[in-house]
Amino acid sequence: MAKGFGIAALVLAILSMFSPYGINFAVIWVGMICATVAALNGDRGLTIASVVIAFAGLLLFAPVTLAAIVNAAHMGDYAGLVFGFAPMGIAIVALVIDAARRSGKDSTIAS
């Protein structure tokens, strides 16, 4: 199950690079939800690749989206900034949670 969600996240991260303005947010969010499920089930490689590709796609291939995010941040509205980069952060947090759960040394996370 983890590999399937990881592959889906990777495919959606690649598709987000070629999505038009506005739709790429939805594609990134769905892809990073799949990456989060994959990370929580133990798949690290595809999750990391999906996060890196989604982040690079947002920075390099979506200049209008990035300009809208940065402009909103300069105007004092940080919701766009959070909305734009939160999916990648959620997947990274899921990787950390899975690593802590597997190590068994972190007492703050219930197994």
Protein backbone atom coordinates (compact mmCIF):
# COMPACT_ATOMS: atom_id res chain seq x y z
CA MET A 1 0.00 0.00 0.00
CA ALA A 2 2.85 2.39 0.81
CA LYS A 3 4.48 1.92 -2.61
CA GLY A 4 1.19 2.58 -4.38
CA PHE A 5 0.61 5.85 -2.52
CA GLY A 6 4.27 6.78 -3.06
CA ILE A 7 4.02 6.22 -6.80
CA ALA A 8 0.73 8.17 -6.93
CA ALA A 9 2.39 11.03 -5.03
CA LEU A 10 5.34 11.03 -7.41
CA VAL A 11 3.10 11.05 -10.48
CA LEU A 12 0.98 13.88 -9.06
CA ALA A 13 4.10 15.87 -8.13
CA ILE A 14 5.30 15.58 -11.72
CA LEU A 15 1.85 16.49 -13.08
CA SER A 16 1.73 19.55 -10.83
CA MET A 17 4.61 21.04 -12.80
CA PHE A 18 2.50 21.16 -15.94
CA SER A 19 -0.81 22.17 -14.38
CA PRO A 20 -2.14 25.68 -15.01
CA TYR A 21 -2.42 28.34 -12.33
CA GLY A 22 -4.73 27.42 -9.49
CA ILE A 23 -5.05 23.77 -10.45
CA ASN A 24 -1.45 23.09 -9.42
CA PHE A 25 -2.40 23.85 -5.79
CA ALA A 26 -5.01 21.10 -5.86
CA VAL A 27 -2.68 18.65 -7.60
CA ILE A 28 0.12 19.36 -5.10
CA TRP A 29 -2.25 18.97 -2.14
CA VAL A 30 -3.61 15.63 -3.37
CA GLY A 31 -0.09 14.43 -4.17
CA MET A 32 1.26 15.41 -0.79
CA ILE A 33 -1.68 13.72 0.96
CA CYS A 34 -0.69 10.54 -0.90
CA ALA A 35 2.94 11.14 0.11
CA THR A 36 1.87 11.57 3.74
CA VAL A 37 -0.01 8.26 3.69
CA ALA A 38 2.99 6.59 2.06
CA ALA A 39 5.36 8.06 4.65
CA LEU A 40 3.21 6.95 7.56
CA ASN A 41 3.22 3.43 6.11
CA GLY A 42 7.00 3.32 5.86
CA ASP A 43 7.88 4.45 2.33
CA ARG A 44 10.64 7.03 2.56
CA GLY A 45 12.25 7.16 -0.88
CA LEU A 46 9.21 8.00 -2.96
CA THR A 47 7.97 10.43 -0.32
CA ILE A 48 11.23 12.38 -0.32
CA ALA A 49 11.30 12.39 -4.13
CA SER A 50 7.69 13.61 -4.27
CA VAL A 51 8.35 16.44 -1.83
CA VAL A 52 11.48 17.57 -3.68
CA ILE A 53 9.76 17.45 -7.08
CA ALA A 54 6.65 19.26 -5.81
CA PHE A 55 8.77 21.96 -4.18
CA ALA A 56 10.93 22.38 -7.29
CA GLY A 57 7.83 22.42 -9.47
CA LEU A 58 6.28 25.15 -7.35
CA LEU A 59 9.45 27.24 -7.45
CA LEU A 60 10.57 26.68 -11.03
CA PHE A 61 7.56 25.76 -13.15
CA ALA A 62 4.80 27.83 -11.54
CA PRO A 63 6.07 31.42 -11.54
CA VAL A 64 2.57 32.93 -11.45
CA THR A 65 1.63 30.81 -8.45
CA LEU A 66 4.88 31.64 -6.69
CA ALA A 67 4.42 35.34 -7.45
CA ALA A 68 0.92 35.23 -5.96
CA ILE A 69 2.23 33.50 -2.82
CA VAL A 70 5.11 35.95 -2.35
CA ASN A 71 2.92 38.98 -3.09
CA ALA A 72 0.38 37.86 -0.51
CA ALA A 73 3.19 37.42 2.02
CA HIS A 74 4.49 40.93 1.32
CA MET A 75 1.01 42.33 1.84
CA GLY A 76 0.83 40.70 5.27
CA ASP A 77 -1.47 37.84 4.29
CA TYR A 78 0.47 34.74 5.25
CA ALA A 79 -2.40 32.35 4.52
CA GLY A 80 -1.26 32.05 0.90
CA LEU A 81 2.27 31.30 2.02
CA VAL A 82 1.05 28.62 4.40
CA PHE A 83 -1.39 27.25 1.83
CA GLY A 84 1.36 27.05 -0.79
CA PHE A 85 4.05 25.31 1.23
CA ALA A 86 2.10 23.42 3.93
CA PRO A 87 1.60 20.23 1.90
CA MET A 88 5.35 19.66 1.66
CA GLY A 89 5.71 20.33 5.38
CA ILE A 90 2.96 17.86 6.23
CA ALA A 91 4.73 15.10 4.28
CA ILE A 92 8.05 15.89 5.98
CA VAL A 93 6.39 15.77 9.41
CA ALA A 94 4.92 12.38 8.47
CA LEU A 95 8.44 11.15 7.63
CA VAL A 96 9.68 12.29 11.04
CA ILE A 97 6.76 10.64 12.81
CA ASP A 98 7.37 7.37 10.97
CA ALA A 99 11.09 7.47 11.77
CA ALA A 100 10.37 8.13 15.45
CA ARG A 101 7.78 5.36 15.54
CA ARG A 102 10.22 2.90 13.97
CA SER A 103 13.07 3.77 16.31
CA GLY A 104 10.90 3.34 19.41
CA LYS A 105 13.08 5.79 21.33
CA ASP A 106 10.72 8.75 21.30
CA SER A 107 8.38 8.53 24.27
CA THR A 108 6.13 11.40 23.13
CA ILE A 109 4.68 9.48 20.18
CA ALA A 110 2.32 6.68 21.12
CA SER A 111 2.85 3.46 19.24
